[in-house]
C-alpha atoms as a PDB file:
ATOM      1  CA  MET A   1      -0.362   0.225  -0.236  1.00  0.00           C
ATOM      2  CA  ALA A   2       2.071   3.061  -1.099  1.00  0.00           C
ATOM      3  CA  LEU A   3       1.383   6.447   0.350  1.00  0.00           C
ATOM      4  CA  LYS A   4      -0.616   7.999  -1.598  1.00  0.00           C
ATOM      5  CA  ARG A   5       0.025  11.756  -0.333  1.00  0.00           C
ATOM      6  CA  LYS A   6       3.053  13.488  -0.250  1.00  0.00           C
ATOM      7  CA  GLY A   7       6.342  12.276   1.826  1.00  0.00           C
ATOM      8  CA  TYR A   8       8.189  14.407   4.246  1.00  0.00           C
ATOM      9  CA  ILE A   9      12.002  14.538   5.420  1.00  0.00           C
ATOM     10  CA  GLN A  10      11.266  14.381   9.020  1.00  0.00           C
ATOM     11  CA  VAL A  11      14.497  14.984  11.648  1.00  0.00           C
ATOM     12  CA  TYR A  12      15.112  13.376  15.591  1.00  0.00           C
ATOM     13  CA  THR A  13      18.086  14.722  16.694  1.00  0.00           C
ATOM     14  CA  GLY A  14      19.755  16.023  20.034  1.00  0.00           C
ATOM     15  CA  ASN A  15      21.505  14.578  22.821  1.00  0.00           C
ATOM     16  CA  SER A  16      18.112  12.703  25.034  1.00  0.00           C
ATOM     17  CA  LYS A  17      16.980   9.357  24.644  1.00  0.00           C
ATOM     18  CA  GLY A  18      13.696   8.598  22.443  1.00  0.00           C
ATOM     19  CA  LYS A  19      15.495   9.337  18.717  1.00  0.00           C
ATOM     20  CA  THR A  20      15.081   5.771  17.666  1.00  0.00           C
ATOM     21  CA  THR A  21      12.621   5.175  19.905  1.00  0.00           C
ATOM     22  CA  ALA A  22       9.977   7.920  17.827  1.00  0.00           C
ATOM     23  CA  ALA A  23      10.989   6.582  14.974  1.00  0.00           C
ATOM     24  CA  LEU A  24      10.364   2.738  15.812  1.00  0.00           C
ATOM     25  CA  GLY A  25       6.653   4.122  16.894  1.00  0.00           C
ATOM     26  CA  LEU A  26       6.578   6.151  13.549  1.00  0.00           C
ATOM     27  CA  ALA A  27       7.249   2.418  11.882  1.00  0.00           C
ATOM     28  CA  LEU A  28       4.913   0.307  14.061  1.00  0.00           C
ATOM     29  CA  ARG A  29       1.961   2.816  13.079  1.00  0.00           C
ATOM     30  CA  ALA A  30       2.703   2.993   9.406  1.00  0.00           C
ATOM     31  CA  ALA A  31       2.611  -0.924   9.944  1.00  0.00           C
ATOM     32  CA  GLY A  32      -0.709  -0.544  11.653  1.00  0.00           C
ATOM     33  CA  ALA A  33      -1.940   1.378   8.190  1.00  0.00           C
ATOM     34  CA  GLY A  34      -0.173  -1.076   5.642  1.00  0.00           C
ATOM     35  CA  HIS A  35       2.789   0.591   4.987  1.00  0.00           C
ATOM     36  CA  ASN A  36       6.173  -1.126   3.700  1.00  0.00           C
ATOM     37  CA  VAL A  37       8.890   0.272   6.305  1.00  0.00           C
ATOM     38  CA  PHE A  38      12.580  -0.294   5.486  1.00  0.00           C
ATOM     39  CA  ILE A  39      15.297   0.498   8.546  1.00  0.00           C
ATOM     40  CA  ALA A  40      18.953   1.013   8.095  1.00  0.00           C
ATOM     41  CA  GLN A  41      20.446   1.123  11.083  1.00  0.00           C
ATOM     42  CA  PHE A  42      23.957   3.131  10.919  1.00  0.00           C
ATOM     43  CA  ILE A  43      26.617   2.344  13.195  1.00  0.00           C
ATOM     44  CA  LYS A  44      24.541   0.068  15.324  1.00  0.00           C
ATOM     45  CA  LYS A  45      25.805  -3.603  15.289  1.00  0.00           C
ATOM     46  CA  GLY A  46      23.900  -6.627  17.247  1.00  0.00           C
ATOM     47  CA  LYS A  47      19.976  -7.063  17.756  1.00  0.00           C
ATOM     48  CA  THR A  48      18.223  -5.533  20.468  1.00  0.00           C
ATOM     49  CA  SER A  49      15.070  -6.092  21.998  1.00  0.00           C
ATOM     50  CA  GLU A  50      13.735  -3.711  19.428  1.00  0.00           C
ATOM     51  CA  HIS A  51      14.686  -5.910  16.455  1.00  0.00           C
ATOM     52  CA  LYS A  52      12.528  -8.813  18.341  1.00  0.00           C
ATOM     53  CA  ALA A  53       9.874  -7.294  18.267  1.00  0.00           C
ATOM     54  CA  LEU A  54       9.830  -5.895  14.787  1.00  0.00           C
ATOM     55  CA  GLU A  55      10.457  -9.032  13.575  1.00  0.00           C
ATOM     56  CA  ARG A  56       6.922  -9.782  14.184  1.00  0.00           C
ATOM     57  CA  PHE A  57       5.700  -7.670  11.747  1.00  0.00           C
ATOM     58  CA  LYS A  58       8.638  -8.538   8.804  1.00  0.00           C
ATOM     59  CA  ASP A  59       6.062  -9.284   6.128  1.00  0.00           C
ATOM     60  CA  LEU A  60       6.147  -4.979   6.342  1.00  0.00           C
ATOM     61  CA  ILE A  61       9.322  -3.938   8.243  1.00  0.00           C
ATOM     62  CA  GLU A  62      12.501  -4.549   7.305  1.00  0.00           C
ATOM     63  CA  ILE A  63      15.242  -3.539   9.673  1.00  0.00           C
ATOM     64  CA  LYS A  64      19.175  -4.086   8.650  1.00  0.00           C
ATOM     65  CA  GLN A  65      22.494  -2.662   9.536  1.00  0.00           C
ATOM     66  CA  PHE A  66      25.067  -1.447   8.311  1.00  0.00           C
ATOM     67  CA  GLY A  67      27.015  -0.671  11.527  1.00  0.00           C
ATOM     68  CA  THR A  68      30.217  -1.729  12.915  1.00  0.00           C
ATOM     69  CA  GLY A  69      29.264   0.059  16.683  1.00  0.00           C
ATOM     70  CA  PHE A  70      29.516   3.298  18.535  1.00  0.00           C
ATOM     71  CA  VAL A  71      33.301   4.503  16.547  1.00  0.00           C
ATOM     72  CA  LYS A  72      35.451   5.429  19.590  1.00  0.00           C
ATOM     73  CA  LYS A  73      38.864   5.133  18.089  1.00  0.00           C
ATOM     74  CA  GLU A  74      40.699   6.264  15.156  1.00  0.00           C
ATOM     75  CA  GLU A  75      42.047   2.736  14.135  1.00  0.00           C
ATOM     76  CA  ASP A  76      37.809   2.132  13.712  1.00  0.00           C
ATOM     77  CA  ILE A  77      37.123   4.507  11.431  1.00  0.00           C
ATOM     78  CA  PRO A  78      38.423   2.966   7.997  1.00  0.00           C
ATOM     79  CA  GLU A  79      35.395  -0.189   8.707  1.00  0.00           C
ATOM     80  CA  ALA A  80      33.045   1.966  10.009  1.00  0.00           C
ATOM     81  CA  THR A  81      33.327   4.245   7.294  1.00  0.00           C
ATOM     82  CA  ARG A  82      32.892   0.992   4.832  1.00  0.00           C
ATOM     83  CA  ALA A  83      30.268   0.010   6.348  1.00  0.00           C
ATOM     84  CA  ALA A  84      28.147   3.404   6.833  1.00  0.00           C
ATOM     85  CA  LYS A  85      29.253   3.939   2.872  1.00  0.00           C
ATOM     86  CA  ARG A  86      27.942  -0.150   1.524  1.00  0.00           C
ATOM     87  CA  GLY A  87      24.626   0.979   3.957  1.00  0.00           C
ATOM     88  CA  LEU A  88      24.431   4.304   1.975  1.00  0.00           C
ATOM     89  CA  ILE A  89      24.760   2.523  -0.851  1.00  0.00           C
ATOM     90  CA  PHE A  90      22.561  -0.238  -0.586  1.00  0.00           C
ATOM     91  CA  VAL A  91      19.579   2.836   0.789  1.00  0.00           C
ATOM     92  CA  LYS A  92      20.118   4.776  -3.046  1.00  0.00           C
ATOM     93  CA  GLU A  93      19.284   1.539  -5.103  1.00  0.00           C
ATOM     94  CA  LEU A  94      16.551   0.205  -3.063  1.00  0.00           C
ATOM     95  CA  LEU A  95      14.908   4.214  -3.043  1.00  0.00           C
ATOM     96  CA  LYS A  96      14.475   3.650  -6.439  1.00  0.00           C
ATOM     97  CA  LYS A  97      12.908   0.191  -6.144  1.00  0.00           C
ATOM     98  CA  LYS A  98       9.929   2.174  -4.895  1.00  0.00           C
ATOM     99  CA  LYS A  99       8.975  -1.137  -2.774  1.00  0.00           C
ATOM    100  CA  TYR A 100       8.948   0.909   0.596  1.00  0.00           C
ATOM    101  CA  ASP A 101       6.990   3.630   1.737  1.00  0.00           C
ATOM    102  CA  ILE A 102       8.950   5.105   4.762  1.00  0.00           C
ATOM    103  CA  PHE A 103      12.478   4.828   5.076  1.00  0.00           C
ATOM    104  CA  ILE A 104      14.184   5.237   8.401  1.00  0.00           C
ATOM    105  CA  LEU A 105      18.122   6.368   8.659  1.00  0.00           C
ATOM    106  CA  ASP A 106      18.991   5.596  11.958  1.00  0.00           C
ATOM    107  CA  GLU A 107      21.851   7.074  13.731  1.00  0.00           C
ATOM    108  CA  ILE A 108      22.421   8.754  10.135  1.00  0.00           C
ATOM    109  CA  ASN A 109      23.368  12.047  11.814  1.00  0.00           C
ATOM    110  CA  ILE A 110      26.279  10.373  13.868  1.00  0.00           C
ATOM    111  CA  ALA A 111      27.361   8.725  10.638  1.00  0.00           C
ATOM    112  CA  VAL A 112      28.036  12.099   9.064  1.00  0.00           C
ATOM    113  CA  TYR A 113      29.166  13.822  12.072  1.00  0.00           C
ATOM    114  CA  LYS A 114      31.893  11.314  12.323  1.00  0.00           C
ATOM    115  CA  GLY A 115      33.123  11.943   8.966  1.00  0.00           C
ATOM    116  CA  LEU A 116      31.983   8.138   7.492  1.00  0.00           C
ATOM    117  CA  ILE A 117      29.956   9.335   4.712  1.00  0.00           C
ATOM    118  CA  THR A 118      29.082  13.424   3.733  1.00  0.00           C
ATOM    119  CA  VAL A 119      26.541  15.838   4.776  1.00  0.00           C
ATOM    120  CA  GLU A 120      26.904  15.962   0.701  1.00  0.00           C
ATOM    121  CA  GLU A 121      26.105  13.021   0.181  1.00  0.00           C
ATOM    122  CA  ILE A 122      23.007  13.186   2.178  1.00  0.00           C
ATOM    123  CA  LEU A 123      21.966  15.842   0.701  1.00  0.00           C
ATOM    124  CA  GLU A 124      22.180  14.246  -2.767  1.00  0.00           C
ATOM    125  CA  LEU A 125      19.986  10.919  -0.923  1.00  0.00           C
ATOM    126  CA  LEU A 126      17.557  13.448   0.284  1.00  0.00           C
ATOM    127  CA  ASN A 127      17.318  15.216  -3.486  1.00  0.00           C
ATOM    128  CA  SER A 128      17.076  11.896  -4.904  1.00  0.00           C
ATOM    129  CA  LYS A 129      13.976  10.671  -2.579  1.00  0.00           C
ATOM    130  CA  PRO A 130      10.588   9.895  -4.859  1.00  0.00           C
ATOM    131  CA  GLU A 131       8.131  12.547  -3.685  1.00  0.00           C
ATOM    132  CA  ASN A 132       5.410   9.733  -2.007  1.00  0.00           C
ATOM    133  CA  VAL A 133       8.254   8.573   0.304  1.00  0.00           C
ATOM    134  CA  GLU A 134       8.563   9.826   3.942  1.00  0.00           C
ATOM    135  CA  LEU A 135      12.527   9.400   4.398  1.00  0.00           C
ATOM    136  CA  VAL A 136      13.410   9.921   8.505  1.00  0.00           C
ATOM    137  CA  LEU A 137      16.399  10.382   9.722  1.00  0.00           C
ATOM    138  CA  THR A 138      18.009   9.832  13.377  1.00  0.00           C
ATOM    139  CA  GLY A 139      20.566  10.506  15.964  1.00  0.00           C
ATOM    140  CA  ARG A 140      22.438  13.125  17.308  1.00  0.00           C
ATOM    141  CA  TYR A 141      24.389  16.210  15.561  1.00  0.00           C
ATOM    142  CA  ALA A 142      21.465  16.286  12.785  1.00  0.00           C
ATOM    143  CA  HIS A 143      24.123  18.345  10.525  1.00  0.00           C
ATOM    144  CA  GLU A 144      22.642  22.350  10.134  1.00  0.00           C
ATOM    145  CA  LYS A 145      21.595  21.323   5.763  1.00  0.00           C
ATOM    146  CA  VAL A 146      20.150  18.826   6.703  1.00  0.00           C
ATOM    147  CA  ILE A 147      17.976  20.598   8.841  1.00  0.00           C
ATOM    148  CA  ASP A 148      17.398  23.063   6.828  1.00  0.00           C
ATOM    149  CA  LYS A 149      16.194  20.681   4.123  1.00  0.00           C
ATOM    150  CA  ALA A 150      14.025  18.448   6.516  1.00  0.00           C
ATOM    151  CA  ASP A 151      10.155  19.535   7.204  1.00  0.00           C
ATOM    152  CA  LEU A 152       9.727  17.892  10.066  1.00  0.00           C
ATOM    153  CA  VAL A 153      12.457  18.666  12.914  1.00  0.00           C
ATOM    154  CA  THR A 154      12.785  17.160  16.579  1.00  0.00           C
ATOM    155  CA  GLU A 155      15.117  17.926  18.970  1.00  0.00           C
ATOM    156  CA  MET A 156      15.170  15.767  21.939  1.00  0.00           C
ATOM    157  CA  GLN A 157      16.523  17.456  25.230  1.00  0.00           C
ATOM    158  CA  GLU A 158      17.596  15.802  28.118  1.00  0.00           C
ATOM    159  CA  VAL A 159      15.469  17.720  31.231  1.00  0.00           C
ATOM    160  CA  LYS A 160      16.660  14.618  33.905  1.00  0.00           C
ATOM    161  CA  HIS A 161      18.002  11.048  33.342  1.00  0.00           C
ATOM    162  CA  TYR A 162      18.751   8.759  35.834  1.00  0.00           C
ATOM    163  CA  PHE A 163      21.716   7.699  34.496  1.00  0.00           C
ATOM    164  CA  HIS A 164      23.473  10.115  36.262  1.00  0.00           C
ATOM    165  CA  LYS A 165      22.350   7.788  38.973  1.00  0.00           C
ATOM    166  CA  GLY A 166      24.265   5.356  37.815  1.00  0.00           C
ATOM    167  CA  VAL A 167      21.347   3.446  36.455  1.00  0.00           C
ATOM    168  CA  LYS A 168      22.712   1.244  33.423  1.00  0.00           C
ATOM    169  CA  ALA A 169      20.553   0.968  30.666  1.00  0.00           C
ATOM    170  CA  ARG A 170      17.936  -1.899  31.129  1.00  0.00           C
ATOM    171  CA  LYS A 171      17.205  -4.548  28.442  1.00  0.00           C
ATOM    172  CA  GLY A 172      12.949  -3.628  26.948  1.00  0.00           C
ATOM    173  CA  ILE A 173      13.900  -0.209  27.766  1.00  0.00           C
ATOM    174  CA  GLU A 174      16.952   1.502  26.918  1.00  0.00           C
ATOM    175  CA  HIS A 175      18.562  -1.547  25.371  1.00  0.00           C
END
């Protein structure tokens, strides 16, 4: 069931929790309406509870990882760059096939921030988006040019977080 209306560009950014969660909520809502969703996870590596949950919607939601884990050291950059570039190429090709109504590019803003892919490459992708496809980009440090191009930008702002009291990521809540 293809979107019959204009698709927009959404950005979920900011230094607080909730960017991926918001995007996954949108994916769930879209699947409930019969739309096909593709989620490309940049940076992230490894299965989490969200993967297990999305498995139940595999007829409408596909998720694929193009990450090597969070880039912490300089020597991690070449492999992480190759993975991010592969992901970007994959998404560009998939956009042309018109199989999915909604694309979620999870943590792609971090990939740009870390220099794994360029903002120009992202802008090229945004400009090639078919008219009826909804495109969602998540991750901290969204580039100003991406924000300018977007139709909707939400910035998650931390007011209070139990992490600062030593609470580790909990399965099914943060992980």
